[in-house]
Protein backbone atom coordinates (compact mmCIF):
# COMPACT_ATOMS: atom_id res chain seq x y z
CA MET A 1 0.00 0.00 0.00
CA SER A 2 1.42 3.38 -1.01
CA ASP A 3 1.85 6.27 1.38
CA VAL A 4 -1.13 8.61 1.47
CA LEU A 5 -1.80 12.14 2.73
CA LYS A 6 -5.49 12.59 3.46
CA ILE A 7 -7.31 15.85 4.22
CA GLU A 8 -10.79 15.34 5.66
CA ASN A 9 -13.40 18.12 5.93
CA LEU A 10 -10.73 20.65 6.88
CA HIS A 11 -11.88 24.00 8.29
CA VAL A 12 -9.18 26.56 9.12
CA SER A 13 -9.32 30.05 10.61
CA VAL A 14 -6.66 32.74 10.81
CA GLU A 15 -7.00 35.16 13.73
CA GLY A 16 -10.63 34.11 14.09
CA LYS A 17 -11.44 34.58 10.41
CA PRO A 18 -12.60 31.40 8.57
CA ILE A 19 -10.54 30.73 5.44
CA LEU A 20 -11.03 27.04 4.63
CA ASN A 21 -14.58 25.76 4.67
CA GLY A 22 -14.41 21.98 4.36
CA VAL A 23 -11.52 20.81 2.18
CA ASP A 24 -11.24 17.15 1.19
CA LEU A 25 -8.14 15.92 -0.63
CA GLU A 26 -6.24 12.66 -0.98
CA LEU A 27 -2.67 12.62 -2.31
CA ARG A 28 -0.75 9.38 -2.78
CA ARG A 29 3.00 9.04 -3.01
CA GLY A 30 3.97 9.10 -6.69
CA GLU A 31 1.07 11.35 -7.71
CA THR A 32 1.27 14.99 -8.78
CA HIS A 33 -1.70 17.23 -7.99
CA ALA A 34 -2.14 20.82 -9.16
CA LEU A 35 -4.11 23.20 -6.92
CA MET A 36 -5.32 26.36 -8.63
CA GLY A 37 -7.72 29.16 -7.77
CA PRO A 38 -8.07 32.96 -7.55
CA ASN A 39 -6.02 34.99 -5.10
CA GLY A 40 -7.38 34.66 -1.58
CA SER A 41 -9.22 31.40 -2.27
CA GLY A 42 -7.30 29.52 0.45
CA LYS A 43 -4.59 27.67 -1.47
CA SER A 44 -1.62 28.79 0.63
CA THR A 45 -3.71 28.48 3.80
CA LEU A 46 -4.19 24.79 3.00
CA GLY A 47 -0.43 24.33 2.67
CA PHE A 48 0.33 26.12 5.94
CA ALA A 49 -2.37 24.16 7.75
CA ILE A 50 -0.99 20.85 6.48
CA MET A 51 2.46 21.83 7.75
CA GLY A 52 1.18 22.96 11.16
CA HIS A 53 1.85 26.71 11.10
CA PRO A 54 0.65 27.93 14.53
CA LYS A 55 -1.15 30.93 13.01
CA TYR A 56 -3.53 28.62 11.13
CA GLU A 57 -6.10 27.12 13.51
CA VAL A 58 -7.83 23.92 12.49
CA THR A 59 -11.38 24.28 13.81
CA GLU A 60 -12.79 21.11 12.26
CA GLY A 61 -11.54 18.13 10.26
CA LYS A 62 -8.34 16.07 10.16
CA ILE A 63 -4.97 15.82 8.45
CA LEU A 64 -3.74 12.22 8.18
CA VAL A 65 -0.45 10.70 7.02
CA ASN A 66 -0.88 6.97 6.52
CA ASP A 67 -3.83 7.03 8.94
CA VAL A 68 -1.74 8.83 11.58
CA ASP A 69 -3.59 11.95 12.71
CA VAL A 70 -1.09 14.82 12.56
CA THR A 71 -3.63 17.62 13.10
CA GLU A 72 -2.26 18.52 16.55
CA MET A 73 1.39 17.80 15.83
CA GLU A 74 4.13 20.44 15.71
CA ALA A 75 5.65 21.33 12.35
CA ASP A 76 8.93 19.52 13.06
CA GLU A 77 7.06 16.33 13.94
CA ARG A 78 5.19 16.49 10.64
CA ALA A 79 8.45 17.05 8.77
CA ARG A 80 9.92 13.94 10.37
CA LEU A 81 6.89 11.98 9.12
CA GLY A 82 7.66 13.07 5.57
CA LEU A 83 5.87 16.39 4.97
CA PHE A 84 7.63 19.32 3.28
CA MET A 85 6.61 22.77 2.06
CA ALA A 86 8.47 25.07 -0.32
CA PHE A 87 7.36 28.59 0.54
CA GLN A 88 6.18 31.27 -1.83
CA ARG A 89 8.25 33.82 0.12
CA PRO A 90 11.04 31.98 1.99
CA ILE A 91 12.53 33.83 4.96
CA ALA A 92 16.21 34.70 5.29
CA ILE A 93 18.33 33.26 8.11
CA PRO A 94 21.43 35.47 8.36
CA GLY A 95 24.46 33.76 9.89
CA VAL A 96 23.33 30.22 9.03
CA ARG A 97 25.02 28.71 6.00
CA LEU A 98 22.78 26.77 3.63
CA ALA A 99 25.04 23.71 3.83
CA ASP A 100 24.94 23.65 7.65
CA PHE A 101 21.19 24.11 7.65
CA MET A 102 20.78 21.27 5.14
CA ARG A 103 23.11 18.92 7.05
CA HIS A 104 21.09 19.30 10.25
CA ALA A 105 17.71 19.11 8.50
CA THR A 106 18.67 16.05 6.44
CA THR A 107 20.00 14.28 9.54
CA ASN A 108 16.80 15.03 11.46
CA VAL A 109 14.63 13.56 8.71
CA ARG A 110 16.74 10.43 8.33
CA ASN A 111 17.24 9.92 12.07
CA PRO A 112 14.15 11.50 13.67
CA ASP A 113 14.92 10.19 17.17
CA ARG A 114 18.40 11.71 17.46
CA LYS A 115 19.26 14.41 19.98
CA GLU A 116 20.16 17.79 18.50
CA GLY A 117 23.89 18.09 17.85
CA GLU A 118 24.52 14.34 17.93
CA ASP A 119 25.08 11.82 15.15
CA LEU A 120 25.14 14.26 12.25
CA ILE A 121 25.66 12.83 8.77
CA PRO A 122 29.46 12.52 8.38
CA MET A 123 30.78 15.64 6.67
CA ARG A 124 32.50 13.79 3.82
CA GLU A 125 29.35 11.80 3.05
CA PHE A 126 27.13 14.90 3.25
CA ARG A 127 29.44 17.01 1.09
CA LYS A 128 29.50 14.36 -1.62
CA GLU A 129 25.72 14.05 -1.60
CA ILE A 130 24.90 17.77 -1.66
CA THR A 131 27.50 18.39 -4.38
CA THR A 132 25.91 15.68 -6.53
CA LYS A 133 22.45 17.17 -6.03
CA MET A 134 23.63 20.71 -6.83
CA LYS A 135 25.29 19.57 -10.05
CA GLN A 136 22.08 17.75 -10.98
CA LEU A 137 20.15 20.99 -10.40
CA GLN A 138 22.76 23.04 -12.30
CA MET A 139 23.71 25.01 -9.21
CA ASP A 140 27.14 26.46 -8.41
CA THR A 141 28.45 24.53 -5.39
CA GLU A 142 29.61 27.83 -3.82
CA PHE A 143 25.91 28.57 -3.36
CA ALA A 144 25.87 26.24 -0.33
CA ARG A 145 28.35 28.48 1.51
CA ARG A 146 25.95 31.43 1.54
CA TYR A 147 23.60 32.26 4.41
CA VAL A 148 20.09 30.84 3.96
CA ASN A 149 18.16 33.16 1.61
CA ASP A 150 20.20 36.16 2.84
CA GLY A 151 20.53 38.52 -0.12
CA PHE A 152 19.16 35.86 -2.49
CA SER A 153 17.25 36.88 -5.59
CA GLY A 154 13.76 35.46 -6.04
CA GLY A 155 15.09 32.78 -8.37
CA GLU A 156 17.89 31.84 -5.96
CA MET A 157 15.41 31.45 -3.11
CA LYS A 158 13.28 29.09 -5.17
CA ARG A 159 16.29 27.04 -6.23
CA ALA A 160 17.39 26.79 -2.59
CA GLU A 161 13.93 25.42 -1.77
CA ILE A 162 14.24 22.86 -4.57
CA LEU A 163 17.68 21.84 -3.26
CA GLN A 164 16.11 21.23 0.16
CA LEU A 165 13.44 19.13 -1.54
CA ALA A 166 16.14 17.10 -3.30
CA MET A 167 18.10 16.46 -0.10
CA LEU A 168 15.21 15.79 2.27
CA GLN A 169 13.28 13.56 -0.16
CA PRO A 170 9.94 13.86 1.69
CA LYS A 171 7.01 11.58 1.11
CA PHE A 172 4.80 14.58 0.33
CA ALA A 173 5.85 18.03 -0.87
CA ILE A 174 3.69 21.15 -1.08
CA LEU A 175 5.11 23.67 -3.56
CA ASP A 176 3.49 27.05 -2.89
CA GLU A 177 3.72 29.06 -6.11
CA THR A 178 7.34 28.11 -6.75
CA ASP A 179 6.97 29.91 -10.09
CA SER A 180 6.07 33.22 -8.41
CA GLY A 181 8.41 36.05 -9.41
CA LEU A 182 10.40 33.96 -11.88
CA ASP A 183 10.93 34.67 -15.57
CA ALA A 184 10.06 32.08 -18.22
CA ASP A 185 13.52 30.50 -18.32
CA ALA A 186 13.70 30.22 -14.53
CA VAL A 187 10.24 28.62 -14.39
CA ARG A 188 11.26 26.10 -17.03
CA LEU A 189 14.41 25.21 -15.07
CA ALA A 190 12.39 24.91 -11.86
CA SER A 191 9.88 22.66 -13.59
CA GLN A 192 12.64 20.41 -14.94
CA SER A 193 14.39 20.27 -11.54
CA ILE A 194 11.21 19.29 -9.69
CA ALA A 195 10.56 16.54 -12.24
CA GLN A 196 14.10 15.18 -11.79
CA ILE A 197 13.82 14.82 -8.02
CA GLY A 198 10.10 14.06 -7.69
CA GLY A 199 8.73 11.40 -9.97
CA GLU A 200 7.46 8.29 -8.21
CA GLU A 201 9.44 9.02 -5.06
CA MET A 202 7.08 11.60 -3.57
CA GLY A 203 3.59 13.01 -3.78
CA LEU A 204 3.56 16.59 -5.09
CA LEU A 205 0.89 19.21 -4.42
CA ILE A 206 1.77 22.10 -6.74
CA ILE A 207 -0.02 25.35 -5.90
CA THR A 208 0.12 27.59 -8.96
CA HIS A 209 -1.72 30.20 -11.00
CA HIS A 210 -0.11 29.09 -14.25
CA ASP A 211 0.55 25.90 -16.15
CA LYS A 212 4.23 26.45 -16.99
CA LEU A 213 5.44 24.81 -13.79
CA LEU A 214 3.38 21.79 -14.83
CA GLU A 215 5.16 21.49 -18.18
CA HIS A 216 7.51 18.79 -16.88
CA ASN A 217 5.20 17.75 -14.02
CA PRO A 218 1.85 16.95 -15.65
CA PRO A 219 -0.62 16.43 -12.79
CA SER A 220 -2.55 13.23 -12.41
CA HIS A 221 -5.20 15.41 -10.72
CA ALA A 222 -6.00 19.12 -10.94
CA HIS A 223 -8.20 20.92 -8.41
CA VAL A 224 -9.71 24.38 -8.33
CA MET A 225 -10.32 26.14 -5.03
CA LEU A 226 -12.94 28.83 -4.61
CA GLY A 227 -14.30 30.37 -1.43
CA GLY A 228 -12.18 28.19 0.81
CA ARG A 229 -13.03 24.78 -0.61
CA ILE A 230 -12.21 22.59 -3.59
CA VAL A 231 -15.16 22.89 -5.94
CA GLU A 232 -13.98 20.94 -8.97
CA SER A 233 -11.33 18.34 -9.80
CA GLY A 234 -10.16 16.91 -13.08
CA SER A 235 -7.10 16.09 -15.16
CA VAL A 236 -4.33 18.28 -16.55
CA GLU A 237 -6.84 19.65 -19.09
CA LEU A 238 -8.60 21.46 -16.22
CA ALA A 239 -5.34 23.21 -15.34
CA HIS A 240 -4.85 24.26 -18.96
CA GLU A 241 -8.44 25.57 -19.13
CA LEU A 242 -8.03 27.67 -15.99
CA HIS A 243 -4.75 29.13 -17.25
CA ALA A 244 -6.28 30.00 -20.62
CA ASN A 245 -9.75 31.18 -19.57
CA GLY A 246 -9.62 32.15 -15.91
CA TYR A 247 -12.27 31.35 -13.32
CA GLN A 248 -15.48 32.81 -14.72
CA ARG A 249 -16.94 29.41 -15.64
CA ILE A 250 -16.07 28.11 -12.18
CA ARG A 251 -17.76 31.06 -10.46
CA GLU A 252 -20.90 30.60 -12.55
CA ALA A 253 -20.97 26.84 -11.91
CA TYR A 254 -20.53 27.22 -8.14
CA PRO A 255 -22.44 30.36 -7.08
CA GLU A 256 -22.37 29.50 -3.36
CA ALA A 257 -18.57 29.28 -3.35
CA ALA A 258 -18.36 32.42 -5.50
CA ALA A 259 -20.50 34.27 -2.94
CA MET A 260 -18.18 33.07 -0.18
CA GLU A 261 -15.22 34.33 -2.20
CA MET A 262 -16.80 37.78 -2.43
CA GLU A 263 -17.54 37.77 1.29
CA MET A 264 -13.92 36.84 2.09
CA GLN A 265 -12.65 39.63 -0.17
CA ASP A 266 -14.96 42.18 1.45
CA GLU A 267 -13.77 41.17 4.91
CA GLU A 268 -10.14 41.44 3.78
CA GLN A 269 -10.69 44.95 2.42
CA ALA A 270 -12.46 46.00 5.61
CA VAL A 271 -9.45 45.08 7.76
């Protein structure tokens, strides 16, 4: 039986404001799912809730990894179980070199019961592995000596996230608009890199507004989110339709969700 990430009737609020209104989703290891929708529809909120960000309060529903309920777990515990998220806007960590960060994170995932500071991956073994991954991703190995995201361009931040994905090899990866802020060539390279390290080894949930990131990662399932819930699912053709035509058909087909979307936008503007 393959690994499975299951979201059941998930309701999430941020600072008392409901954002997700009953999301159901099942992602199996080896599958690629695309999640699309207008701005403010709840896509990133779903990712943060899956990862256990403390700002995102689950008020109803469950998040399960292989039937293990992770809804109340801390983010690091979820990561050790095989969850990963590449952020739309990664934060900088001045003073912490990317290589050191990756050595600790990779060790924690591979040896989740270790005590911090003990039993790190041997330096020679780690250096060989990260160098191989960086060459595969067409990255200058000097990149690993820089502080995490400190002074990085948008493209460099996204490539650093993809390097983490390659090293950690999670069971399930949520990619939150990895194409955001990138030019066409950078998106193409990102798409190719994700395909090289993903494949059948992990389940991918790609949150995107466009279909270019899906060029080398054709989704087995595509979902559209509106008003805080998934209203329609289909194949890669649905993703292409949304990219070409926008969300007018979706809003007309699901008036209740469209009304919720308008209500959420009005509340956001009132803040």
